[in-house]
Amino acid sequence: MSMFNRAKKFDLGCFVNIKTIRDHTKRVAFAAHEAERQALRYTIRNTTLPQRTRAIAQLQLSQMHCYTRPTQIRNRCIMGGKERGVLRDFKMTRYNFRLQALAGNIPGVKKASW
């Protein structure tokens, strides 16, 4: 469980708030354990294996840390850390995107007029 010590491993100056740090920790944990999760899921679904082997794999999968699940990862704004209303292409909330676009800080984006 030493992988989940957040404050010691990261430079806190580059993150906005604790939720953003936690989300980054979840992404790192998911990437580290993704292959193991896929192998266990394949073992569970393989009907040619003995039932006991499949049950052991299912138990191991259920006992893995919750940060290793893909459903734990949320898209967050890189500027404010909010998780709702995030535009995927720019990784910003709608409000921050509008402010940055009007200021001319996003290349290739300008206010529409017709």
N, C-alpha and C. Protein backbone atom coordinates (compact mmCIF):
# COMPACT_ATOMS: atom_id res chain seq x y z
N MET A 1 0.82 -1.21 0.00
CA MET A 1 0.00 0.00 0.00
C MET A 1 0.86 1.26 0.00
N SER A 2 2.17 1.12 -0.11
CA SER A 2 3.01 2.30 -0.11
C SER A 2 2.85 3.10 -1.39
N MET A 3 2.24 2.51 -2.42
CA MET A 3 2.06 3.23 -3.68
C MET A 3 1.08 4.38 -3.50
N PHE A 4 0.24 4.34 -2.51
CA PHE A 4 -0.81 5.33 -2.35
C PHE A 4 -0.43 6.48 -1.43
N ASN A 5 0.84 6.62 -1.09
CA ASN A 5 1.30 7.78 -0.33
C ASN A 5 1.48 8.93 -1.30
N ARG A 6 0.53 9.82 -1.33
CA ARG A 6 0.48 10.85 -2.36
C ARG A 6 1.47 11.98 -2.12
N ALA A 7 1.48 12.54 -0.93
CA ALA A 7 2.23 13.76 -0.68
C ALA A 7 3.74 13.56 -0.82
N LYS A 8 4.23 12.38 -0.55
CA LYS A 8 5.67 12.14 -0.60
C LYS A 8 6.19 11.98 -2.02
N LYS A 9 5.34 11.53 -2.95
CA LYS A 9 5.82 11.20 -4.29
C LYS A 9 5.67 12.33 -5.29
N PHE A 10 4.82 13.31 -5.03
CA PHE A 10 4.50 14.31 -6.04
C PHE A 10 4.95 15.69 -5.60
N ASP A 11 5.31 16.50 -6.57
CA ASP A 11 5.58 17.91 -6.33
C ASP A 11 4.23 18.60 -6.24
N LEU A 12 3.86 19.06 -5.08
CA LEU A 12 2.52 19.60 -4.87
C LEU A 12 2.31 20.94 -5.57
N GLY A 13 3.35 21.56 -6.08
CA GLY A 13 3.19 22.83 -6.77
C GLY A 13 2.50 22.72 -8.10
N CYS A 14 2.49 21.53 -8.72
CA CYS A 14 1.89 21.40 -10.03
C CYS A 14 0.43 20.95 -9.97
N PHE A 15 -0.09 20.67 -8.79
CA PHE A 15 -1.48 20.24 -8.68
C PHE A 15 -2.31 21.34 -8.01
N VAL A 16 -3.58 21.38 -8.36
CA VAL A 16 -4.43 22.45 -7.88
C VAL A 16 -4.98 22.15 -6.49
N ASN A 17 -5.56 20.97 -6.33
CA ASN A 17 -6.15 20.63 -5.04
C ASN A 17 -6.00 19.13 -4.78
N ILE A 18 -6.48 18.69 -3.64
CA ILE A 18 -6.31 17.30 -3.22
C ILE A 18 -7.07 16.35 -4.14
N LYS A 19 -8.19 16.79 -4.70
CA LYS A 19 -8.94 15.91 -5.60
C LYS A 19 -8.16 15.62 -6.87
N THR A 20 -7.44 16.60 -7.36
CA THR A 20 -6.62 16.40 -8.55
C THR A 20 -5.46 15.47 -8.23
N ILE A 21 -4.88 15.60 -7.06
CA ILE A 21 -3.80 14.70 -6.65
C ILE A 21 -4.32 13.27 -6.53
N ARG A 22 -5.50 13.11 -5.93
CA ARG A 22 -6.09 11.78 -5.78
C ARG A 22 -6.40 11.17 -7.14
N ASP A 23 -6.90 11.98 -8.07
CA ASP A 23 -7.20 11.47 -9.40
C ASP A 23 -5.92 11.01 -10.10
N HIS A 24 -4.84 11.76 -9.93
CA HIS A 24 -3.56 11.37 -10.52
C HIS A 24 -3.07 10.06 -9.91
N THR A 25 -3.25 9.89 -8.60
CA THR A 25 -2.86 8.66 -7.93
C THR A 25 -3.66 7.49 -8.46
N LYS A 26 -4.95 7.70 -8.70
CA LYS A 26 -5.80 6.63 -9.25
C LYS A 26 -5.35 6.24 -10.65
N ARG A 27 -4.98 7.22 -11.46
CA ARG A 27 -4.51 6.92 -12.81
C ARG A 27 -3.21 6.12 -12.80
N VAL A 28 -2.30 6.46 -11.90
CA VAL A 28 -1.04 5.72 -11.80
C VAL A 28 -1.30 4.29 -11.33
N ALA A 29 -2.17 4.13 -10.33
CA ALA A 29 -2.47 2.80 -9.81
C ALA A 29 -3.18 1.94 -10.86
N PHE A 30 -4.08 2.55 -11.61
CA PHE A 30 -4.78 1.81 -12.66
C PHE A 30 -3.80 1.34 -13.73
N ALA A 31 -2.90 2.22 -14.14
CA ALA A 31 -1.93 1.84 -15.17
C ALA A 31 -0.99 0.73 -14.69
N ALA A 32 -0.64 0.77 -13.41
CA ALA A 32 0.28 -0.24 -12.87
C ALA A 32 -0.36 -1.62 -12.78
N HIS A 33 -1.66 -1.68 -12.53
CA HIS A 33 -2.33 -2.97 -12.29
C HIS A 33 -3.26 -3.39 -13.42
N GLU A 34 -3.25 -2.69 -14.53
CA GLU A 34 -4.20 -3.00 -15.61
C GLU A 34 -3.98 -4.39 -16.19
N ALA A 35 -2.74 -4.79 -16.42
CA ALA A 35 -2.46 -6.11 -16.99
C ALA A 35 -2.91 -7.22 -16.05
N GLU A 36 -2.67 -7.03 -14.77
CA GLU A 36 -3.09 -8.05 -13.79
C GLU A 36 -4.61 -8.18 -13.75
N ARG A 37 -5.30 -7.05 -13.79
CA ARG A 37 -6.77 -7.08 -13.79
C ARG A 37 -7.30 -7.79 -15.04
N GLN A 38 -6.71 -7.50 -16.19
CA GLN A 38 -7.16 -8.13 -17.43
C GLN A 38 -6.93 -9.64 -17.39
N ALA A 39 -5.80 -10.07 -16.84
CA ALA A 39 -5.53 -11.50 -16.74
C ALA A 39 -6.54 -12.19 -15.83
N LEU A 40 -6.85 -11.56 -14.70
CA LEU A 40 -7.84 -12.16 -13.79
C LEU A 40 -9.22 -12.19 -14.42
N ARG A 41 -9.59 -11.15 -15.14
CA ARG A 41 -10.91 -11.13 -15.79
C ARG A 41 -10.99 -12.19 -16.89
N TYR A 42 -9.90 -12.41 -17.61
CA TYR A 42 -9.87 -13.47 -18.62
C TYR A 42 -10.02 -14.83 -17.96
N THR A 43 -9.35 -15.04 -16.84
CA THR A 43 -9.45 -16.31 -16.12
C THR A 43 -10.87 -16.55 -15.63
N ILE A 44 -11.52 -15.52 -15.14
CA ILE A 44 -12.88 -15.66 -14.62
C ILE A 44 -13.85 -16.03 -15.74
N ARG A 45 -13.68 -15.44 -16.92
CA ARG A 45 -14.61 -15.68 -18.03
C ARG A 45 -14.34 -16.98 -18.78
N ASN A 46 -13.17 -17.58 -18.59
CA ASN A 46 -12.81 -18.79 -19.31
C ASN A 46 -13.56 -19.98 -18.72
N THR A 47 -14.53 -20.49 -19.44
CA THR A 47 -15.38 -21.57 -18.91
C THR A 47 -14.71 -22.93 -19.00
N THR A 48 -13.60 -23.05 -19.71
CA THR A 48 -12.93 -24.34 -19.81
C THR A 48 -12.06 -24.63 -18.58
N LEU A 49 -11.77 -23.63 -17.78
CA LEU A 49 -10.98 -23.82 -16.56
C LEU A 49 -11.85 -24.41 -15.46
N PRO A 50 -11.23 -25.05 -14.46
CA PRO A 50 -12.02 -25.58 -13.33
C PRO A 50 -12.68 -24.45 -12.54
N GLN A 51 -13.80 -24.78 -11.93
CA GLN A 51 -14.57 -23.80 -11.18
C GLN A 51 -13.78 -23.22 -10.02
N ARG A 52 -12.96 -24.04 -9.39
CA ARG A 52 -12.17 -23.57 -8.25
C ARG A 52 -11.16 -22.50 -8.69
N THR A 53 -10.51 -22.69 -9.81
CA THR A 53 -9.54 -21.71 -10.32
C THR A 53 -10.23 -20.40 -10.64
N ARG A 54 -11.40 -20.48 -11.24
CA ARG A 54 -12.15 -19.27 -11.57
C ARG A 54 -12.61 -18.55 -10.31
N ALA A 55 -12.98 -19.31 -9.28
CA ALA A 55 -13.43 -18.69 -8.02
C ALA A 55 -12.27 -17.99 -7.31
N ILE A 56 -11.09 -18.60 -7.36
CA ILE A 56 -9.91 -17.97 -6.74
C ILE A 56 -9.57 -16.68 -7.47
N ALA A 57 -9.65 -16.70 -8.80
CA ALA A 57 -9.37 -15.49 -9.58
C ALA A 57 -10.38 -14.40 -9.26
N GLN A 58 -11.63 -14.79 -9.09
CA GLN A 58 -12.67 -13.82 -8.77
C GLN A 58 -12.44 -13.22 -7.38
N LEU A 59 -12.00 -14.02 -6.45
CA LEU A 59 -11.69 -13.53 -5.11
C LEU A 59 -10.50 -12.56 -5.14
N GLN A 60 -9.47 -12.90 -5.91
CA GLN A 60 -8.32 -12.01 -6.03
C GLN A 60 -8.70 -10.67 -6.67
N LEU A 61 -9.56 -10.73 -7.67
CA LEU A 61 -9.98 -9.50 -8.33
C LEU A 61 -10.80 -8.62 -7.40
N SER A 62 -11.65 -9.23 -6.59
CA SER A 62 -12.46 -8.44 -5.68
C SER A 62 -11.65 -7.86 -4.53
N GLN A 63 -10.49 -8.45 -4.22
CA GLN A 63 -9.67 -7.96 -3.13
C GLN A 63 -8.64 -6.93 -3.57
N MET A 64 -8.58 -6.62 -4.87
CA MET A 64 -7.65 -5.59 -5.33
C MET A 64 -8.14 -4.23 -4.86
N HIS A 65 -7.21 -3.30 -4.75
CA HIS A 65 -7.54 -1.96 -4.28
C HIS A 65 -8.52 -1.28 -5.23
N CYS A 66 -9.40 -0.45 -4.69
CA CYS A 66 -10.43 0.17 -5.52
C CYS A 66 -9.83 1.17 -6.52
N TYR A 67 -8.65 1.70 -6.26
CA TYR A 67 -8.03 2.64 -7.19
C TYR A 67 -7.58 1.97 -8.48
N THR A 68 -7.54 0.65 -8.51
CA THR A 68 -7.13 -0.05 -9.71
C THR A 68 -8.28 -0.26 -10.69
N ARG A 69 -9.47 0.16 -10.33
CA ARG A 69 -10.63 0.01 -11.21
C ARG A 69 -10.71 1.17 -12.20
N PRO A 70 -11.09 0.89 -13.44
CA PRO A 70 -11.18 1.98 -14.41
C PRO A 70 -12.34 2.93 -14.14
N THR A 71 -13.34 2.51 -13.39
CA THR A 71 -14.47 3.38 -13.11
C THR A 71 -14.14 4.47 -12.09
N GLN A 72 -13.00 4.34 -11.42
CA GLN A 72 -12.61 5.34 -10.43
C GLN A 72 -12.02 6.59 -11.06
N ILE A 73 -11.62 6.50 -12.32
CA ILE A 73 -10.95 7.62 -12.98
C ILE A 73 -11.99 8.56 -13.57
N ARG A 74 -11.85 9.84 -13.27
CA ARG A 74 -12.75 10.86 -13.79
C ARG A 74 -11.94 11.89 -14.57
N ASN A 75 -12.57 12.47 -15.60
CA ASN A 75 -11.93 13.58 -16.29
C ASN A 75 -12.02 14.81 -15.39
N ARG A 76 -10.90 15.49 -15.20
CA ARG A 76 -10.87 16.68 -14.36
C ARG A 76 -10.27 17.83 -15.13
N CYS A 77 -10.71 19.03 -14.78
CA CYS A 77 -10.20 20.25 -15.40
C CYS A 77 -8.75 20.46 -14.96
N ILE A 78 -7.88 20.79 -15.92
CA ILE A 78 -6.48 20.99 -15.58
C ILE A 78 -6.26 22.33 -14.89
N MET A 79 -7.23 23.21 -14.97
CA MET A 79 -7.07 24.52 -14.35
C MET A 79 -7.71 24.61 -12.97
N GLY A 80 -8.91 24.05 -12.83
CA GLY A 80 -9.61 24.19 -11.56
C GLY A 80 -9.83 22.90 -10.80
N GLY A 81 -9.67 21.75 -11.46
CA GLY A 81 -9.85 20.47 -10.80
C GLY A 81 -11.29 20.00 -10.75
N LYS A 82 -12.22 20.74 -11.37
CA LYS A 82 -13.62 20.31 -11.34
C LYS A 82 -13.80 19.11 -12.25
N GLU A 83 -14.81 18.29 -11.93
CA GLU A 83 -15.01 17.07 -12.69
C GLU A 83 -16.26 17.11 -13.58
N ARG A 84 -17.06 18.13 -13.47
CA ARG A 84 -18.28 18.19 -14.27
C ARG A 84 -18.15 19.27 -15.33
N GLY A 85 -18.69 18.98 -16.51
CA GLY A 85 -18.66 19.94 -17.60
C GLY A 85 -17.29 20.06 -18.24
N VAL A 86 -16.53 18.97 -18.26
CA VAL A 86 -15.17 19.00 -18.80
C VAL A 86 -15.21 18.65 -20.29
N LEU A 87 -14.60 19.49 -21.12
CA LEU A 87 -14.46 19.21 -22.54
C LEU A 87 -13.24 18.31 -22.72
N ARG A 88 -13.44 17.14 -23.31
CA ARG A 88 -12.38 16.14 -23.40
C ARG A 88 -11.19 16.63 -24.21
N ASP A 89 -11.46 17.30 -25.32
CA ASP A 89 -10.38 17.70 -26.21
C ASP A 89 -9.42 18.69 -25.56
N PHE A 90 -9.93 19.52 -24.68
CA PHE A 90 -9.11 20.57 -24.08
C PHE A 90 -8.82 20.34 -22.60
N LYS A 91 -9.47 19.36 -21.98
CA LYS A 91 -9.29 19.02 -20.56
C LYS A 91 -9.57 20.23 -19.67
N MET A 92 -10.59 20.99 -20.04
CA MET A 92 -11.00 22.15 -19.25
C MET A 92 -12.51 22.17 -19.12
N THR A 93 -12.99 22.80 -18.06
CA THR A 93 -14.43 22.98 -17.92
C THR A 93 -14.91 24.00 -18.95
N ARG A 94 -16.21 24.01 -19.15
CA ARG A 94 -16.79 24.92 -20.14
C ARG A 94 -16.45 26.37 -19.83
N TYR A 95 -16.51 26.73 -18.56
CA TYR A 95 -16.26 28.11 -18.15
C TYR A 95 -14.81 28.51 -18.41
N ASN A 96 -13.87 27.66 -17.96
CA ASN A 96 -12.45 27.96 -18.17
C ASN A 96 -12.10 27.96 -19.66
N PHE A 97 -12.74 27.07 -20.42
CA PHE A 97 -12.50 27.06 -21.86
C PHE A 97 -12.95 28.37 -22.48
N ARG A 98 -14.09 28.86 -22.07
CA ARG A 98 -14.61 30.12 -22.63
C ARG A 98 -13.68 31.29 -22.28
N LEU A 99 -13.23 31.34 -21.03
CA LEU A 99 -12.33 32.42 -20.63
C LEU A 99 -11.01 32.38 -21.41
N GLN A 100 -10.45 31.19 -21.56
CA GLN A 100 -9.19 31.06 -22.26
C GLN A 100 -9.34 31.33 -23.76
N ALA A 101 -10.47 30.93 -24.34
CA ALA A 101 -10.70 31.16 -25.77
C ALA A 101 -10.89 32.65 -26.04
N LEU A 102 -11.63 33.34 -25.19
CA LEU A 102 -11.84 34.77 -25.38
C LEU A 102 -10.54 35.56 -25.18
N ALA A 103 -9.67 35.06 -24.31
CA ALA A 103 -8.38 35.72 -24.10
C ALA A 103 -7.39 35.41 -25.22
N GLY A 104 -7.72 34.44 -26.07
CA GLY A 104 -6.84 34.07 -27.18
C GLY A 104 -5.72 33.15 -26.78
N ASN A 105 -5.86 32.42 -25.69
CA ASN A 105 -4.81 31.54 -25.20
C ASN A 105 -4.86 30.13 -25.78
N ILE A 106 -5.94 29.81 -26.51
CA ILE A 106 -6.06 28.48 -27.10
C ILE A 106 -5.88 28.63 -28.61
N PRO A 107 -4.82 28.07 -29.17
CA PRO A 107 -4.58 28.25 -30.60
C PRO A 107 -5.64 27.54 -31.45
N GLY A 108 -6.09 28.22 -32.49
CA GLY A 108 -7.06 27.65 -33.40
C GLY A 108 -8.50 27.81 -32.97
N VAL A 109 -8.75 28.44 -31.84
CA VAL A 109 -10.10 28.61 -31.34
C VAL A 109 -10.41 30.10 -31.30
N LYS A 110 -11.53 30.48 -31.91
CA LYS A 110 -11.97 31.86 -31.84
C LYS A 110 -13.48 31.87 -31.74
N LYS A 111 -14.00 33.00 -31.35
CA LYS A 111 -15.44 33.15 -31.17
C LYS A 111 -16.11 33.13 -32.54
N ALA A 112 -17.19 32.36 -32.62
CA ALA A 112 -17.90 32.24 -33.89
C ALA A 112 -18.72 33.49 -34.14
N SER A 113 -18.75 33.91 -35.42
CA SER A 113 -19.62 35.01 -35.82
C SER A 113 -20.06 34.75 -37.25
N TRP A 114 -21.35 34.95 -37.52
CA TRP A 114 -21.86 34.75 -38.86
C TRP A 114 -22.93 35.73 -39.19
